[in-house]
């Protein structure tokens, strides 16, 4: 599990290492688009194993995750992942928070799983993450970009974290 988190963090750091000011003035901000796909990739892993996350991670952390992903509370139902296509934020700092929050949750999950007796659900999750080497993660991100071309939210839709606003 640590290897997976480190590999995703390596891809994240690679995106952040491009500190040129020209990325802000170009037609497409590839840094933001890349971060959107990393956040979406991690969210899909959460969706696939949401029961595992719900059993181990505290409810407040999961509610916080849903808030930063801009998932309305009425759509955050059990056994249902909210579609984020066309709804992913364009704010780079907000995307950083999303990615780092999910990676932190995965770290906590990994530490907790190692203390528990082996169950089929935990072993499937660990085996799934062990298959995801760096080259496979990059290929998954490329495939995601082909399969889900419109992750970004419209510029006129405001960012919100609180359902009351």
Protein backbone atom coordinates (compact mmCIF):
# COMPACT_ATOMS: atom_id res chain seq x y z
CA UNK A 1 0.00 0.00 0.00
CA UNK A 2 2.85 2.38 0.81
CA UNK A 3 4.29 1.77 -2.64
CA UNK A 4 1.01 2.78 -4.28
CA UNK A 5 0.74 5.97 -2.22
CA UNK A 6 4.38 6.81 -2.94
CA UNK A 7 3.89 6.21 -6.67
CA UNK A 8 0.82 8.45 -6.84
CA UNK A 9 2.66 11.07 -4.81
CA UNK A 10 5.58 10.83 -7.26
CA UNK A 11 3.26 11.56 -10.18
CA UNK A 12 1.76 14.44 -8.19
CA UNK A 13 5.22 15.85 -7.46
CA UNK A 14 6.19 15.49 -11.12
CA UNK A 15 3.21 17.64 -12.08
CA UNK A 16 4.10 20.20 -9.40
CA UNK A 17 7.76 20.32 -10.43
CA UNK A 18 6.89 22.31 -13.54
CA UNK A 19 7.06 25.77 -11.95
CA UNK A 20 7.17 27.76 -15.14
CA UNK A 21 4.96 30.82 -15.26
CA UNK A 22 3.94 30.08 -18.84
CA UNK A 23 1.47 27.41 -17.70
CA UNK A 24 -0.81 30.12 -16.34
CA UNK A 25 -0.89 32.02 -19.63
CA UNK A 26 -1.41 29.09 -21.99
CA UNK A 27 -4.69 28.11 -23.55
CA UNK A 28 -4.87 24.87 -21.58
CA UNK A 29 -3.55 24.61 -18.06
CA UNK A 30 -2.23 21.06 -18.19
CA UNK A 31 -1.13 21.16 -14.56
CA UNK A 32 -4.72 21.62 -13.37
CA UNK A 33 -6.05 19.04 -15.83
CA UNK A 34 -3.47 16.50 -14.67
CA UNK A 35 -4.34 17.11 -11.03
CA UNK A 36 -8.03 16.69 -11.84
CA UNK A 37 -7.35 13.25 -13.27
CA UNK A 38 -5.23 12.19 -10.29
CA UNK A 39 -8.01 13.31 -7.93
CA UNK A 40 -10.59 11.49 -10.03
CA UNK A 41 -8.40 8.36 -10.15
CA UNK A 42 -8.13 8.30 -6.36
CA UNK A 43 -11.86 8.98 -6.03
CA UNK A 44 -12.64 5.98 -8.25
CA UNK A 45 -10.50 3.77 -6.01
CA UNK A 46 -12.49 5.10 -3.06
CA UNK A 47 -15.72 4.26 -4.91
CA UNK A 48 -14.59 0.73 -5.68
CA UNK A 49 -13.75 0.03 -2.04
CA UNK A 50 -16.08 2.45 -0.28
CA UNK A 51 -17.34 -0.15 2.20
CA UNK A 52 -13.78 -0.77 3.35
CA UNK A 53 -13.21 2.96 3.77
CA UNK A 54 -16.48 3.38 5.67
CA UNK A 55 -15.60 0.53 8.05
CA UNK A 56 -12.16 1.86 8.90
CA UNK A 57 -12.05 5.64 8.43
CA UNK A 58 -14.03 7.91 10.75
CA UNK A 59 -17.30 9.35 9.53
CA UNK A 60 -16.08 12.92 9.90
CA UNK A 61 -13.14 12.27 7.55
CA UNK A 62 -15.46 10.77 4.95
CA UNK A 63 -17.87 13.71 5.25
CA UNK A 64 -14.90 16.06 4.88
CA UNK A 65 -13.81 14.14 1.76
CA UNK A 66 -17.28 14.47 0.28
CA UNK A 67 -17.27 18.19 1.03
CA UNK A 68 -13.93 18.87 -0.63
CA UNK A 69 -15.04 16.80 -3.64
CA UNK A 70 -18.13 19.04 -3.78
CA UNK A 71 -20.55 16.15 -3.43
CA UNK A 72 -23.92 17.45 -2.19
CA UNK A 73 -24.98 15.79 1.04
CA UNK A 74 -28.26 14.54 -0.45
CA UNK A 75 -26.25 12.61 -3.06
CA UNK A 76 -23.78 11.08 -0.60
CA UNK A 77 -25.84 7.94 -0.14
CA UNK A 78 -24.57 4.54 0.82
CA UNK A 79 -23.34 2.28 -2.00
CA UNK A 80 -23.48 5.09 -4.54
CA UNK A 81 -20.64 7.10 -5.97
CA UNK A 82 -21.44 10.56 -7.20
CA UNK A 83 -20.48 11.19 -10.85
CA UNK A 84 -17.75 13.84 -10.97
CA UNK A 85 -17.52 14.16 -14.76
CA UNK A 86 -18.07 17.83 -15.55
CA UNK A 87 -17.99 18.72 -11.86
CA UNK A 88 -14.29 18.64 -10.88
CA UNK A 89 -13.00 21.95 -9.58
CA UNK A 90 -10.58 24.12 -11.58
CA UNK A 91 -8.90 25.56 -8.49
CA UNK A 92 -5.37 24.17 -8.30
CA UNK A 93 -5.06 24.67 -4.53
CA UNK A 94 -8.36 22.90 -3.96
CA UNK A 95 -7.18 20.00 -6.14
CA UNK A 96 -4.00 19.79 -4.03
CA UNK A 97 -6.16 19.49 -0.92
CA UNK A 98 -8.28 16.75 -2.51
CA UNK A 99 -5.27 14.69 -3.62
CA UNK A 100 -3.38 15.03 -0.35
CA UNK A 101 -6.50 14.26 1.71
CA UNK A 102 -7.18 11.03 -0.18
CA UNK A 103 -3.50 10.02 0.03
CA UNK A 104 -3.59 10.68 3.78
CA UNK A 105 -6.70 8.53 4.13
CA UNK A 106 -5.00 5.76 2.15
CA UNK A 107 -1.97 5.96 4.47
CA UNK A 108 -4.19 5.68 7.54
CA UNK A 109 -6.08 2.82 5.94
CA UNK A 110 -2.84 0.98 5.17
CA UNK A 111 -1.56 1.33 8.73
CA UNK A 112 -4.87 0.15 10.16
CA UNK A 113 -5.20 -2.84 7.82
CA UNK A 114 -1.78 -4.16 8.83
CA UNK A 115 -2.97 -4.43 12.45
CA UNK A 116 -6.05 -6.47 11.54
CA UNK A 117 -6.33 -10.16 10.79
CA UNK A 118 -6.40 -10.92 7.08
CA UNK A 119 -9.86 -10.96 5.52
CA UNK A 120 -10.80 -11.43 1.86
CA UNK A 121 -11.92 -7.80 1.57
CA UNK A 122 -8.62 -6.44 2.90
CA UNK A 123 -6.48 -8.82 0.84
CA UNK A 124 -8.34 -7.91 -2.38
CA UNK A 125 -7.74 -4.24 -1.69
CA UNK A 126 -4.05 -4.72 -0.95
CA UNK A 127 -3.61 -6.98 -3.99
CA UNK A 128 -5.33 -4.37 -6.16
CA UNK A 129 -2.98 -1.63 -4.96
CA UNK A 130 0.09 -3.84 -5.30
CA UNK A 131 -0.74 -4.32 -8.98
CA UNK A 132 -0.63 -0.56 -9.50
CA UNK A 133 3.03 0.13 -10.19
CA UNK A 134 4.14 3.57 -11.39
CA UNK A 135 3.92 2.76 -15.10
CA UNK A 136 0.44 1.26 -14.64
CA UNK A 137 -0.74 4.32 -12.68
CA UNK A 138 0.46 6.62 -15.46
CA UNK A 139 -1.23 4.43 -18.08
CA UNK A 140 -4.45 4.42 -16.01
CA UNK A 141 -4.36 8.22 -15.92
CA UNK A 142 -3.88 8.38 -19.70
CA UNK A 143 -6.77 5.95 -20.17
CA UNK A 144 -8.95 8.01 -17.84
CA UNK A 145 -8.29 11.10 -19.91
CA UNK A 146 -9.44 9.22 -23.02
CA UNK A 147 -12.51 7.71 -21.37
CA UNK A 148 -13.64 10.75 -19.36
CA UNK A 149 -12.62 13.78 -21.42
CA UNK A 150 -14.71 16.39 -19.60
CA UNK A 151 -13.86 16.37 -15.90
CA UNK A 152 -13.66 20.10 -15.47
CA UNK A 153 -16.54 22.13 -14.13
CA UNK A 154 -17.85 25.11 -16.02
CA UNK A 155 -16.17 28.38 -15.07
CA UNK A 156 -19.53 29.91 -14.12
CA UNK A 157 -20.39 27.23 -11.55
CA UNK A 158 -19.13 28.44 -8.19
CA UNK A 159 -16.99 26.32 -5.90
CA UNK A 160 -18.70 25.45 -2.65
CA UNK A 161 -17.91 23.33 0.33
CA UNK A 162 -21.01 23.97 2.39
CA UNK A 163 -24.44 22.78 1.17
CA UNK A 164 -26.11 25.74 2.85
CA UNK A 165 -24.36 28.28 0.59
